């Protein structure tokens, strides 16, 4: 925990950012390095009946943190991606709050 899902990026880009990203986020979030899950999800973007170029979307599924922590996490994700995709590219970071009693690991919930 937390889980980060990446769309609109290449597999190689996700692999390249995985270590520096987790190394940066771990102390901000207060989660050990080995508690992070990063998932690469290939995606095609479609508009008006045509396949179009997309933009990076990062979903962060986690147990809620204070807004100032969330802001810092979004800024760090954006900065690390910005170095790879360029200054003009939109980058979207979406946070989804998970509830401990609805999150099970090995059959046991967290709340």
N, C-alpha and C. Protein backbone atom coordinates (compact mmCIF):
# COMPACT_ATOMS: atom_id res chain seq x y z
N UNK A 1 0.86 -1.15 0.00
CA UNK A 1 0.00 0.00 0.00
C UNK A 1 0.90 1.21 0.00
N UNK A 2 0.82 2.16 -0.76
CA UNK A 2 -0.21 2.47 -1.73
C UNK A 2 0.01 1.78 -3.08
N UNK A 3 -1.04 1.81 -3.90
CA UNK A 3 -1.00 1.27 -5.25
C UNK A 3 -0.98 2.44 -6.23
N UNK A 4 -0.06 2.40 -7.18
CA UNK A 4 0.00 3.43 -8.23
C UNK A 4 -0.21 2.74 -9.57
N UNK A 5 -1.18 3.23 -10.32
CA UNK A 5 -1.50 2.69 -11.65
C UNK A 5 -1.16 3.74 -12.69
N UNK A 6 -0.42 3.33 -13.71
CA UNK A 6 0.06 4.24 -14.74
C UNK A 6 -0.58 3.93 -16.08
N UNK A 7 -1.13 4.95 -16.71
CA UNK A 7 -1.67 4.86 -18.08
C UNK A 7 -1.08 6.01 -18.90
N UNK A 8 -1.06 5.82 -20.22
CA UNK A 8 -0.58 6.89 -21.09
C UNK A 8 0.93 7.05 -21.08
N UNK A 9 1.62 6.05 -20.60
CA UNK A 9 3.09 6.03 -20.56
C UNK A 9 3.57 4.71 -21.13
N UNK A 10 4.80 4.67 -21.54
CA UNK A 10 5.37 3.40 -22.00
C UNK A 10 5.79 2.56 -20.80
N UNK A 11 5.86 1.28 -21.01
CA UNK A 11 6.33 0.36 -19.97
C UNK A 11 7.75 0.76 -19.53
N UNK A 12 8.60 1.11 -20.50
CA UNK A 12 9.97 1.50 -20.17
C UNK A 12 10.01 2.74 -19.28
N UNK A 13 9.16 3.70 -19.55
CA UNK A 13 9.12 4.90 -18.71
C UNK A 13 8.72 4.56 -17.29
N UNK A 14 7.71 3.72 -17.13
CA UNK A 14 7.27 3.33 -15.79
C UNK A 14 8.40 2.58 -15.08
N UNK A 15 9.09 1.71 -15.79
CA UNK A 15 10.22 0.99 -15.19
C UNK A 15 11.32 1.97 -14.76
N UNK A 16 11.61 2.95 -15.62
CA UNK A 16 12.69 3.90 -15.32
C UNK A 16 12.38 4.79 -14.13
N UNK A 17 11.13 5.16 -13.96
CA UNK A 17 10.78 6.06 -12.84
C UNK A 17 10.46 5.31 -11.56
N UNK A 18 10.29 4.00 -11.63
CA UNK A 18 9.80 3.25 -10.47
C UNK A 18 10.67 3.42 -9.23
N UNK A 19 11.96 3.27 -9.34
CA UNK A 19 12.82 3.37 -8.16
C UNK A 19 12.90 4.80 -7.62
N UNK A 20 13.23 5.80 -8.47
CA UNK A 20 13.29 7.15 -7.91
C UNK A 20 11.94 7.63 -7.37
N UNK A 21 10.86 7.22 -7.99
CA UNK A 21 9.54 7.63 -7.52
C UNK A 21 9.24 7.06 -6.14
N UNK A 22 9.43 5.77 -5.99
CA UNK A 22 9.15 5.14 -4.69
C UNK A 22 10.12 5.65 -3.63
N UNK A 23 11.39 5.84 -3.98
CA UNK A 23 12.36 6.39 -3.03
C UNK A 23 11.94 7.77 -2.55
N UNK A 24 11.34 8.56 -3.43
CA UNK A 24 10.89 9.91 -3.08
C UNK A 24 9.60 9.88 -2.27
N UNK A 25 8.65 9.03 -2.68
CA UNK A 25 7.34 9.02 -2.02
C UNK A 25 7.33 8.33 -0.66
N UNK A 26 8.16 7.35 -0.48
CA UNK A 26 8.15 6.57 0.75
C UNK A 26 8.21 7.44 2.02
N UNK A 27 9.19 8.34 2.15
CA UNK A 27 9.22 9.17 3.36
C UNK A 27 8.07 10.18 3.44
N UNK A 28 7.59 10.65 2.29
CA UNK A 28 6.47 11.60 2.30
C UNK A 28 5.19 10.95 2.84
N UNK A 29 4.99 9.70 2.41
CA UNK A 29 3.75 8.99 2.77
C UNK A 29 3.89 8.27 4.10
N UNK A 30 5.11 7.91 4.45
CA UNK A 30 5.31 7.13 5.67
C UNK A 30 5.06 5.66 5.46
N UNK A 31 5.30 5.19 4.23
CA UNK A 31 5.14 3.78 3.89
C UNK A 31 6.49 3.20 3.52
N UNK A 32 6.81 2.00 4.00
CA UNK A 32 8.07 1.37 3.61
C UNK A 32 8.12 1.14 2.10
N UNK A 33 9.32 1.11 1.56
CA UNK A 33 9.53 0.93 0.12
C UNK A 33 8.81 -0.30 -0.41
N UNK A 34 8.86 -1.39 0.35
CA UNK A 34 8.29 -2.65 -0.14
C UNK A 34 6.77 -2.73 0.00
N UNK A 35 6.14 -1.66 0.47
CA UNK A 35 4.67 -1.64 0.56
C UNK A 35 4.03 -1.01 -0.68
N UNK A 36 4.84 -0.47 -1.58
CA UNK A 36 4.32 0.15 -2.80
C UNK A 36 4.07 -0.90 -3.87
N UNK A 37 2.99 -0.71 -4.60
CA UNK A 37 2.70 -1.52 -5.78
C UNK A 37 2.56 -0.57 -6.95
N UNK A 38 3.35 -0.79 -8.01
CA UNK A 38 3.25 0.01 -9.22
C UNK A 38 2.75 -0.89 -10.33
N UNK A 39 1.77 -0.40 -11.06
CA UNK A 39 1.13 -1.19 -12.11
C UNK A 39 1.15 -0.39 -13.41
N UNK A 40 1.65 -1.01 -14.46
CA UNK A 40 1.64 -0.44 -15.80
C UNK A 40 0.41 -0.96 -16.51
N UNK A 41 -0.44 -0.06 -17.00
CA UNK A 41 -1.66 -0.45 -17.70
C UNK A 41 -1.62 0.16 -19.10
N UNK A 42 -1.43 -0.69 -20.13
CA UNK A 42 -1.46 -0.16 -21.50
C UNK A 42 -2.85 0.42 -21.79
N UNK A 43 -2.88 1.54 -22.48
CA UNK A 43 -4.17 2.19 -22.75
C UNK A 43 -4.15 2.84 -24.12
N UNK A 44 -5.31 2.87 -24.74
CA UNK A 44 -5.52 3.64 -25.96
C UNK A 44 -6.56 4.71 -25.63
N UNK A 45 -6.32 5.89 -26.13
CA UNK A 45 -7.24 6.99 -25.92
C UNK A 45 -8.04 7.21 -27.20
N UNK A 46 -9.33 7.47 -27.06
CA UNK A 46 -10.23 7.59 -28.20
C UNK A 46 -11.04 8.88 -28.06
N UNK A 47 -11.16 9.60 -29.16
CA UNK A 47 -12.01 10.80 -29.20
C UNK A 47 -12.61 10.91 -30.59
N UNK A 48 -13.90 11.18 -30.65
CA UNK A 48 -14.60 11.39 -31.92
C UNK A 48 -14.38 10.24 -32.90
N UNK A 49 -14.39 9.03 -32.37
CA UNK A 49 -14.27 7.85 -33.21
C UNK A 49 -12.87 7.52 -33.68
N UNK A 50 -11.88 8.24 -33.17
CA UNK A 50 -10.50 8.03 -33.60
C UNK A 50 -9.59 7.76 -32.39
N UNK A 51 -8.57 6.95 -32.62
CA UNK A 51 -7.53 6.78 -31.61
C UNK A 51 -6.68 8.04 -31.62
N UNK A 52 -6.48 8.63 -30.45
CA UNK A 52 -5.72 9.87 -30.32
C UNK A 52 -4.59 9.67 -29.32
N UNK A 53 -3.62 10.57 -29.37
CA UNK A 53 -2.55 10.48 -28.38
C UNK A 53 -3.12 10.89 -27.03
N UNK A 54 -2.69 10.21 -26.03
CA UNK A 54 -3.18 10.48 -24.68
C UNK A 54 -2.16 11.26 -23.87
N UNK A 55 -2.34 11.21 -22.59
CA UNK A 55 -1.43 11.89 -21.68
C UNK A 55 -1.29 11.01 -20.45
N UNK A 56 -0.24 11.18 -19.68
CA UNK A 56 -0.04 10.35 -18.49
C UNK A 56 -1.14 10.56 -17.46
N UNK A 57 -1.66 9.44 -16.99
CA UNK A 57 -2.63 9.42 -15.90
C UNK A 57 -2.08 8.48 -14.85
N UNK A 58 -1.96 8.99 -13.63
CA UNK A 58 -1.49 8.18 -12.51
C UNK A 58 -2.60 8.14 -11.47
N UNK A 59 -3.06 6.94 -11.18
CA UNK A 59 -4.04 6.75 -10.10
C UNK A 59 -3.29 6.31 -8.85
N UNK A 60 -3.58 6.96 -7.74
CA UNK A 60 -2.98 6.60 -6.46
C UNK A 60 -4.11 6.10 -5.57
N UNK A 61 -4.07 4.83 -5.27
CA UNK A 61 -5.05 4.24 -4.36
C UNK A 61 -4.34 4.06 -3.02
N UNK A 62 -4.91 4.67 -1.96
CA UNK A 62 -4.21 4.64 -0.68
C UNK A 62 -5.18 4.90 0.46
N UNK A 63 -4.68 4.68 1.69
CA UNK A 63 -5.40 5.10 2.87
C UNK A 63 -5.16 6.61 2.98
N UNK A 64 -6.22 7.34 3.18
CA UNK A 64 -6.17 8.80 3.11
C UNK A 64 -5.08 9.40 4.00
N UNK A 65 -4.41 10.40 3.45
CA UNK A 65 -3.43 11.21 4.15
C UNK A 65 -3.93 12.65 4.17
N UNK A 66 -3.32 13.51 5.00
CA UNK A 66 -3.72 14.93 5.00
C UNK A 66 -3.51 15.56 3.62
N UNK A 67 -4.28 16.59 3.31
CA UNK A 67 -4.23 17.24 2.02
C UNK A 67 -2.83 17.74 1.68
N UNK A 68 -2.10 18.26 2.67
CA UNK A 68 -0.75 18.75 2.37
C UNK A 68 0.18 17.62 1.94
N UNK A 69 -0.02 16.42 2.46
CA UNK A 69 0.76 15.26 2.01
C UNK A 69 0.33 14.88 0.60
N UNK A 70 -0.95 14.86 0.36
CA UNK A 70 -1.47 14.55 -0.98
C UNK A 70 -0.93 15.54 -2.00
N UNK A 71 -0.92 16.83 -1.65
CA UNK A 71 -0.39 17.85 -2.56
C UNK A 71 1.08 17.59 -2.89
N UNK A 72 1.87 17.24 -1.88
CA UNK A 72 3.29 16.97 -2.09
C UNK A 72 3.49 15.73 -2.96
N UNK A 73 2.69 14.70 -2.73
CA UNK A 73 2.79 13.48 -3.52
C UNK A 73 2.45 13.78 -4.98
N UNK A 74 1.38 14.52 -5.22
CA UNK A 74 1.01 14.89 -6.59
C UNK A 74 2.11 15.70 -7.25
N UNK A 75 2.71 16.62 -6.51
CA UNK A 75 3.79 17.45 -7.06
C UNK A 75 5.01 16.60 -7.41
N UNK A 76 5.35 15.66 -6.57
CA UNK A 76 6.52 14.80 -6.83
C UNK A 76 6.29 13.89 -8.03
N UNK A 77 5.10 13.28 -8.10
CA UNK A 77 4.77 12.44 -9.25
C UNK A 77 4.85 13.26 -10.53
N UNK A 78 4.27 14.44 -10.51
CA UNK A 78 4.28 15.31 -11.68
C UNK A 78 5.70 15.71 -12.07
N UNK A 79 6.52 16.07 -11.10
CA UNK A 79 7.90 16.48 -11.39
C UNK A 79 8.71 15.35 -12.00
N UNK A 80 8.58 14.16 -11.45
CA UNK A 80 9.33 13.02 -11.97
C UNK A 80 8.87 12.68 -13.39
N UNK A 81 7.57 12.72 -13.63
CA UNK A 81 7.07 12.46 -14.97
C UNK A 81 7.42 13.59 -15.94
N UNK A 82 7.35 14.82 -15.46
CA UNK A 82 7.64 15.98 -16.30
C UNK A 82 9.03 15.87 -16.92
N UNK A 83 9.98 15.36 -16.16
CA UNK A 83 11.35 15.19 -16.67
C UNK A 83 11.40 14.19 -17.82
N UNK A 84 10.41 13.31 -17.91
CA UNK A 84 10.39 12.28 -18.96
C UNK A 84 9.53 12.66 -20.15
N UNK A 85 8.42 13.38 -19.89
CA UNK A 85 7.45 13.61 -20.97
C UNK A 85 7.46 15.04 -21.49
N UNK A 86 8.18 15.94 -20.85
CA UNK A 86 8.30 17.30 -21.33
C UNK A 86 7.39 18.29 -20.63
N UNK A 87 7.73 19.55 -20.78
CA UNK A 87 7.04 20.62 -20.06
C UNK A 87 5.64 20.91 -20.57
N UNK A 88 5.38 20.60 -21.83
CA UNK A 88 4.08 20.95 -22.43
C UNK A 88 3.01 19.88 -22.22
N UNK A 89 3.41 18.68 -21.79
CA UNK A 89 2.48 17.55 -21.66
C UNK A 89 1.62 17.67 -20.40
N UNK A 90 0.31 17.52 -20.54
CA UNK A 90 -0.55 17.44 -19.36
C UNK A 90 -0.24 16.15 -18.61
N UNK A 91 -0.31 16.21 -17.28
CA UNK A 91 -0.13 15.04 -16.42
C UNK A 91 -1.25 15.05 -15.40
N UNK A 92 -1.97 13.96 -15.31
CA UNK A 92 -3.10 13.86 -14.40
C UNK A 92 -2.77 12.89 -13.27
N UNK A 93 -2.99 13.30 -12.03
CA UNK A 93 -2.81 12.44 -10.86
C UNK A 93 -4.15 12.40 -10.14
N UNK A 94 -4.66 11.19 -9.92
CA UNK A 94 -5.98 11.00 -9.30
C UNK A 94 -5.80 10.18 -8.02
N UNK A 95 -6.35 10.65 -6.93
CA UNK A 95 -6.26 9.94 -5.65
C UNK A 95 -7.60 9.27 -5.34
N UNK A 96 -7.53 8.03 -4.94
CA UNK A 96 -8.71 7.30 -4.49
C UNK A 96 -8.45 6.83 -3.07
N UNK A 97 -9.32 7.24 -2.17
CA UNK A 97 -9.19 6.87 -0.77
C UNK A 97 -9.74 5.47 -0.54
N UNK A 98 -8.94 4.64 0.08
CA UNK A 98 -9.38 3.30 0.45
C UNK A 98 -9.69 3.28 1.94
N UNK A 99 -10.69 2.52 2.31
CA UNK A 99 -11.06 2.35 3.71
C UNK A 99 -10.46 1.05 4.23
N UNK A 100 -9.85 1.09 5.39
CA UNK A 100 -9.20 -0.09 5.95
C UNK A 100 -10.10 -1.29 6.07
N UNK A 101 -11.36 -1.09 6.43
CA UNK A 101 -12.27 -2.23 6.59
C UNK A 101 -12.73 -2.80 5.26
N UNK A 102 -12.43 -2.11 4.16
CA UNK A 102 -12.78 -2.61 2.82
C UNK A 102 -11.56 -3.09 2.05
N UNK A 103 -10.38 -3.03 2.68
CA UNK A 103 -9.14 -3.43 2.04
C UNK A 103 -8.63 -4.68 2.75
N UNK A 104 -8.56 -5.77 2.02
CA UNK A 104 -8.14 -7.05 2.59
C UNK A 104 -6.79 -7.46 2.02
N UNK A 105 -5.94 -7.96 2.87
CA UNK A 105 -4.68 -8.54 2.45
C UNK A 105 -4.57 -9.90 3.15
N UNK A 106 -4.46 -10.94 2.33
CA UNK A 106 -4.40 -12.31 2.85
C UNK A 106 -5.61 -12.64 3.73
N UNK A 107 -6.78 -12.12 3.34
CA UNK A 107 -8.02 -12.46 4.02
C UNK A 107 -8.35 -11.61 5.24
N UNK A 108 -7.50 -10.67 5.58
CA UNK A 108 -7.75 -9.83 6.76
C UNK A 108 -7.83 -8.37 6.34
N UNK A 109 -8.79 -7.65 6.91
CA UNK A 109 -8.92 -6.24 6.58
C UNK A 109 -8.09 -5.40 7.55
N UNK A 110 -7.93 -4.13 7.20
CA UNK A 110 -7.06 -3.23 7.94
C UNK A 110 -7.81 -2.32 8.92
N UNK A 111 -9.08 -2.49 9.09
CA UNK A 111 -9.78 -1.55 9.98
C UNK A 111 -10.86 -2.19 10.77
